[in-house]
PDB file of N, CA and C in Angstrom:
ATOM      1  N   UNK A   1      81.152 124.605 135.046  1.00  0.00           N
ATOM      2  CA  UNK A   1      81.008 125.519 135.505  1.00  0.00           C
ATOM      3  C   UNK A   1      79.449 126.018 135.497  1.00  0.00           C
ATOM      4  N   UNK A   2      78.923 125.786 134.340  1.00  0.00           N
ATOM      5  CA  UNK A   2      77.488 126.230 134.063  1.00  0.00           C
ATOM      6  C   UNK A   2      76.436 125.610 134.687  1.00  0.00           C
ATOM      7  N   UNK A   3      76.546 124.665 135.512  1.00  0.00           N
ATOM      8  CA  UNK A   3      75.717 123.889 136.078  1.00  0.00           C
ATOM      9  C   UNK A   3      75.480 124.235 137.655  1.00  0.00           C
ATOM     10  N   UNK A   4      77.226 124.540 137.910  1.00  0.00           N
ATOM     11  CA  UNK A   4      77.432 125.318 139.177  1.00  0.00           C
ATOM     12  C   UNK A   4      76.717 126.672 139.401  1.00  0.00           C
ATOM     13  N   UNK A   5      77.006 127.379 138.130  1.00  0.00           N
ATOM     14  CA  UNK A   5      77.050 128.451 138.133  1.00  0.00           C
ATOM     15  C   UNK A   5      78.352 129.703 138.477  1.00  0.00           C
ATOM     16  N   UNK A   6      79.478 128.771 138.474  1.00  0.00           N
ATOM     17  CA  UNK A   6      80.638 129.740 139.033  1.00  0.00           C
ATOM     18  C   UNK A   6      81.200 130.039 136.671  1.00  0.00           C
ATOM     19  N   UNK A   7      82.429 130.371 137.543  1.00  0.00           N
ATOM     20  CA  UNK A   7      83.345 131.680 136.139  1.00  0.00           C
ATOM     21  C   UNK A   7      84.196 130.074 136.364  1.00  0.00           C
ATOM     22  N   UNK A   8      84.789 130.122 134.465  1.00  0.00           N
ATOM     23  CA  UNK A   8      85.762 129.345 134.876  1.00  0.00           C
ATOM     24  C   UNK A   8      87.069 129.543 135.510  1.00  0.00           C
ATOM     25  N   UNK A   9      88.064 128.994 135.996  1.00  0.00           N
ATOM     26  CA  UNK A   9      89.070 129.363 137.105  1.00  0.00           C
ATOM     27  C   UNK A   9      88.364 130.128 138.415  1.00  0.00           C
ATOM     28  N   UNK A  10      87.462 129.209 138.645  1.00  0.00           N
ATOM     29  CA  UNK A  10      86.326 129.777 139.845  1.00  0.00           C
ATOM     30  C   UNK A  10      87.342 128.832 140.810  1.00  0.00           C
ATOM     31  N   UNK A  11      88.207 128.826 141.778  1.00  0.00           N
ATOM     32  CA  UNK A  11      88.152 128.500 143.076  1.00  0.00           C
ATOM     33  C   UNK A  11      87.887 127.578 143.466  1.00  0.00           C
ATOM     34  N   UNK A  12      88.458 126.521 144.404  1.00  0.00           N
ATOM     35  CA  UNK A  12      88.330 125.080 145.064  1.00  0.00           C
ATOM     36  C   UNK A  12      86.911 125.411 145.666  1.00  0.00           C
ATOM     37  N   UNK A  13      87.486 126.891 146.579  1.00  0.00           N
ATOM     38  CA  UNK A  13      86.392 127.399 147.880  1.00  0.00           C
ATOM     39  C   UNK A  13      85.067 127.586 147.076  1.00  0.00           C
ATOM     40  N   UNK A  14      85.125 128.683 145.708  1.00  0.00           N
ATOM     41  CA  UNK A  14      83.516 129.168 145.155  1.00  0.00           C
ATOM     42  C   UNK A  14      82.778 127.674 144.436  1.00  0.00           C
ATOM     43  N   UNK A  15      83.308 126.807 144.300  1.00  0.00           N
ATOM     44  CA  UNK A  15      83.020 125.783 143.459  1.00  0.00           C
ATOM     45  C   UNK A  15      82.483 124.901 145.097  1.00  0.00           C
ATOM     46  N   UNK A  16      83.213 124.656 146.157  1.00  0.00           N
ATOM     47  CA  UNK A  16      82.398 124.232 146.971  1.00  0.00           C
ATOM     48  C   UNK A  16      81.068 124.808 147.212  1.00  0.00           C
ATOM     49  N   UNK A  17      81.059 126.373 147.478  1.00  0.00           N
ATOM     50  CA  UNK A  17      79.863 126.808 147.968  1.00  0.00           C
ATOM     51  C   UNK A  17      78.954 127.108 147.267  1.00  0.00           C
ATOM     52  N   UNK A  18      79.208 126.858 145.773  1.00  0.00           N
ATOM     53  CA  UNK A  18      78.204 127.190 144.771  1.00  0.00           C
ATOM     54  C   UNK A  18      77.405 125.606 145.035  1.00  0.00           C
ATOM     55  N   UNK A  19      78.648 124.485 144.999  1.00  0.00           N
ATOM     56  CA  UNK A  19      77.931 122.877 145.116  1.00  0.00           C
ATOM     57  C   UNK A  19      76.836 122.822 146.576  1.00  0.00           C
ATOM     58  N   UNK A  20      77.688 123.486 147.475  1.00  0.00           N
ATOM     59  CA  UNK A  20      76.783 123.047 148.469  1.00  0.00           C
ATOM     60  C   UNK A  20      75.405 124.283 148.920  1.00  0.00           C
ATOM     61  N   UNK A  21      75.589 124.777 148.410  1.00  0.00           N
ATOM     62  CA  UNK A  21      74.097 126.334 148.119  1.00  0.00           C
ATOM     63  C   UNK A  21      73.048 125.743 147.337  1.00  0.00           C
ATOM     64  N   UNK A  22      73.623 125.081 145.689  1.00  0.00           N
ATOM     65  CA  UNK A  22      72.307 124.285 145.394  1.00  0.00           C
ATOM     66  C   UNK A  22      72.318 122.839 145.888  1.00  0.00           C
ATOM     67  N   UNK A  23      73.259 122.083 146.555  1.00  0.00           N
ATOM     68  CA  UNK A  23      72.797 120.519 146.815  1.00  0.00           C
ATOM     69  C   UNK A  23      72.167 121.035 147.748  1.00  0.00           C
ATOM     70  N   UNK A  24      71.932 121.379 148.816  1.00  0.00           N
ATOM     71  CA  UNK A  24      70.894 122.320 149.945  1.00  0.00           C
ATOM     72  C   UNK A  24      69.534 122.728 149.034  1.00  0.00           C
ATOM     73  N   UNK A  25      69.817 123.346 148.323  1.00  0.00           N
ATOM     74  CA  UNK A  25      67.809 123.667 147.552  1.00  0.00           C
ATOM     75  C   UNK A  25      67.855 122.409 146.477  1.00  0.00           C
ATOM     76  N   UNK A  26      68.656 121.734 145.961  1.00  0.00           N
ATOM     77  CA  UNK A  26      67.458 119.736 145.071  1.00  0.00           C
ATOM     78  C   UNK A  26      68.140 118.933 146.468  1.00  0.00           C
ATOM     79  N   UNK A  27      68.371 118.469 146.706  1.00  0.00           N
ATOM     80  CA  UNK A  27      68.482 117.127 147.880  1.00  0.00           C
ATOM     81  C   UNK A  27      67.169 116.881 147.788  1.00  0.00           C
ATOM     82  N   UNK A  28      67.513 115.592 147.982  1.00  0.00           N
ATOM     83  CA  UNK A  28      66.074 114.878 148.241  1.00  0.00           C
ATOM     84  C   UNK A  28      65.725 114.656 149.664  1.00  0.00           C
ATOM     85  N   UNK A  29      65.804 115.329 149.998  1.00  0.00           N
ATOM     86  CA  UNK A  29      65.435 115.409 151.901  1.00  0.00           C
ATOM     87  C   UNK A  29      64.407 116.771 151.714  1.00  0.00           C
ATOM     88  N   UNK A  30      64.659 117.299 150.869  1.00  0.00           N
ATOM     89  CA  UNK A  30      64.390 118.757 150.615  1.00  0.00           C
ATOM     90  C   UNK A  30      63.020 118.821 150.166  1.00  0.00           C
ATOM     91  N   UNK A  31      62.928 117.957 148.838  1.00  0.00           N
ATOM     92  CA  UNK A  31      62.195 117.694 148.077  1.00  0.00           C
ATOM     93  C   UNK A  31      61.473 116.627 148.304  1.00  0.00           C
ATOM     94  N   UNK A  32      60.913 116.059 149.486  1.00  0.00           N
ATOM     95  CA  UNK A  32      60.326 114.676 149.245  1.00  0.00           C
ATOM     96  C   UNK A  32      58.889 115.214 149.833  1.00  0.00           C
ATOM     97  N   UNK A  33      58.906 116.955 150.314  1.00  0.00           N
ATOM     98  CA  UNK A  33      56.816 117.048 150.072  1.00  0.00           C
ATOM     99  C   UNK A  33      56.469 117.343 149.289  1.00  0.00           C
ATOM    100  N   UNK A  34      57.580 117.227 148.145  1.00  0.00           N
ATOM    101  CA  UNK A  34      56.733 117.505 146.216  1.00  0.00           C
ATOM    102  C   UNK A  34      56.084 116.686 146.187  1.00  0.00           C
ATOM    103  N   UNK A  35      55.593 117.134 144.981  1.00  0.00           N
ATOM    104  CA  UNK A  35      54.823 115.876 143.857  1.00  0.00           C
ATOM    105  C   UNK A  35      56.259 115.045 143.627  1.00  0.00           C
ATOM    106  N   UNK A  36      55.731 114.113 143.506  1.00  0.00           N
ATOM    107  CA  UNK A  36      56.824 113.837 142.198  1.00  0.00           C
ATOM    108  C   UNK A  36      57.322 113.470 141.143  1.00  0.00           C
ATOM    109  N   UNK A  37      56.698 114.475 139.970  1.00  0.00           N
ATOM    110  CA  UNK A  37      57.191 115.350 138.785  1.00  0.00           C
ATOM    111  C   UNK A  37      58.319 116.601 139.028  1.00  0.00           C
ATOM    112  N   UNK A  38      58.025 117.013 140.085  1.00  0.00           N
ATOM    113  CA  UNK A  38      59.108 118.034 140.998  1.00  0.00           C
ATOM    114  C   UNK A  38      60.227 117.307 141.567  1.00  0.00           C
ATOM    115  N   UNK A  39      60.140 116.253 142.141  1.00  0.00           N
ATOM    116  CA  UNK A  39      60.950 115.293 142.704  1.00  0.00           C
ATOM    117  C   UNK A  39      62.423 114.562 141.852  1.00  0.00           C
ATOM    118  N   UNK A  40      61.566 114.098 140.511  1.00  0.00           N
ATOM    119  CA  UNK A  40      62.137 113.455 140.037  1.00  0.00           C
ATOM    120  C   UNK A  40      62.605 114.628 139.064  1.00  0.00           C
ATOM    121  N   UNK A  41      62.356 115.532 138.257  1.00  0.00           N
ATOM    122  CA  UNK A  41      63.370 116.702 138.297  1.00  0.00           C
ATOM    123  C   UNK A  41      64.291 116.914 138.773  1.00  0.00           C
ATOM    124  N   UNK A  42      64.258 117.074 140.786  1.00  0.00           N
ATOM    125  CA  UNK A  42      65.001 117.232 141.941  1.00  0.00           C
ATOM    126  C   UNK A  42      66.367 116.520 141.579  1.00  0.00           C
ATOM    127  N   UNK A  43      66.379 115.289 141.476  1.00  0.00           N
ATOM    128  CA  UNK A  43      66.933 113.762 141.102  1.00  0.00           C
ATOM    129  C   UNK A  43      67.900 114.770 139.667  1.00  0.00           C
ATOM    130  N   UNK A  44      67.294 114.317 138.842  1.00  0.00           N
ATOM    131  CA  UNK A  44      68.106 115.023 137.763  1.00  0.00           C
ATOM    132  C   UNK A  44      69.039 116.459 137.257  1.00  0.00           C
ATOM    133  N   UNK A  45      68.399 117.017 138.698  1.00  0.00           N
ATOM    134  CA  UNK A  45      69.151 118.500 138.538  1.00  0.00           C
ATOM    135  C   UNK A  45      70.374 117.836 139.461  1.00  0.00           C
ATOM    136  N   UNK A  46      70.670 117.375 141.180  1.00  0.00           N
ATOM    137  CA  UNK A  46      71.479 116.723 141.725  1.00  0.00           C
ATOM    138  C   UNK A  46      71.979 115.726 140.713  1.00  0.00           C
ATOM    139  N   UNK A  47      71.741 114.739 140.266  1.00  0.00           N
ATOM    140  CA  UNK A  47      72.529 114.395 139.628  1.00  0.00           C
ATOM    141  C   UNK A  47      73.731 115.211 138.584  1.00  0.00           C
ATOM    142  N   UNK A  48      72.756 115.930 137.850  1.00  0.00           N
ATOM    143  CA  UNK A  48      74.165 116.725 137.502  1.00  0.00           C
ATOM    144  C   UNK A  48      74.647 118.190 138.186  1.00  0.00           C
ATOM    145  N   UNK A  49      74.366 118.015 138.834  1.00  0.00           N
ATOM    146  CA  UNK A  49      75.605 118.733 139.955  1.00  0.00           C
ATOM    147  C   UNK A  49      76.588 118.095 140.322  1.00  0.00           C
ATOM    148  N   UNK A  50      75.742 116.799 140.973  1.00  0.00           N
ATOM    149  CA  UNK A  50      77.267 115.814 141.791  1.00  0.00           C
ATOM    150  C   UNK A  50      78.420 115.744 140.364  1.00  0.00           C
ATOM    151  N   UNK A  51      77.512 115.196 139.523  1.00  0.00           N
ATOM    152  CA  UNK A  51      78.240 115.348 138.117  1.00  0.00           C
ATOM    153  C   UNK A  51      79.454 116.106 138.105  1.00  0.00           C
ATOM    154  N   UNK A  52      79.176 117.212 138.041  1.00  0.00           N
ATOM    155  CA  UNK A  52      79.884 118.992 137.827  1.00  0.00           C
ATOM    156  C   UNK A  52      80.804 119.193 138.716  1.00  0.00           C
ATOM    157  N   UNK A  53      80.750 119.050 140.411  1.00  0.00           N
ATOM    158  CA  UNK A  53      81.121 119.322 141.147  1.00  0.00           C
ATOM    159  C   UNK A  53      82.339 117.730 141.204  1.00  0.00           C
ATOM    160  N   UNK A  54      81.924 116.889 140.696  1.00  0.00           N
ATOM    161  CA  UNK A  54      83.048 116.094 140.643  1.00  0.00           C
ATOM    162  C   UNK A  54      84.144 115.940 139.825  1.00  0.00           C
ATOM    163  N   UNK A  55      83.729 116.378 138.723  1.00  0.00           N
ATOM    164  CA  UNK A  55      84.630 116.649 137.351  1.00  0.00           C
ATOM    165  C   UNK A  55      85.643 118.068 137.848  1.00  0.00           C
ATOM    166  N   UNK A  56      84.957 119.518 138.377  1.00  0.00           N
ATOM    167  CA  UNK A  56      85.480 120.321 138.693  1.00  0.00           C
ATOM    168  C   UNK A  56      86.622 119.967 139.830  1.00  0.00           C
ATOM    169  N   UNK A  57      86.516 118.891 140.818  1.00  0.00           N
ATOM    170  CA  UNK A  57      87.034 118.712 141.682  1.00  0.00           C
ATOM    171  C   UNK A  57      88.105 117.675 141.947  1.00  0.00           C
ATOM    172  N   UNK A  58      88.042 117.235 140.520  1.00  0.00           N
ATOM    173  CA  UNK A  58      88.974 115.981 140.757  1.00  0.00           C
ATOM    174  C   UNK A  58      90.273 116.574 140.531  1.00  0.00           C
TER     175      UNK A  58
END
């Protein structure tokens, strides 16, 4: 919940909205033009976002 920034008990719609917002921000295509250090940080963040989304929607 913390990674996606949604409250416990959030609806599927809230979770999906938060995921899409964060994914758009950290997606590799969005950060490809930035330095390698920031790209790596964004990659790690995207992995965490994806894992959180998968857990909350399973």
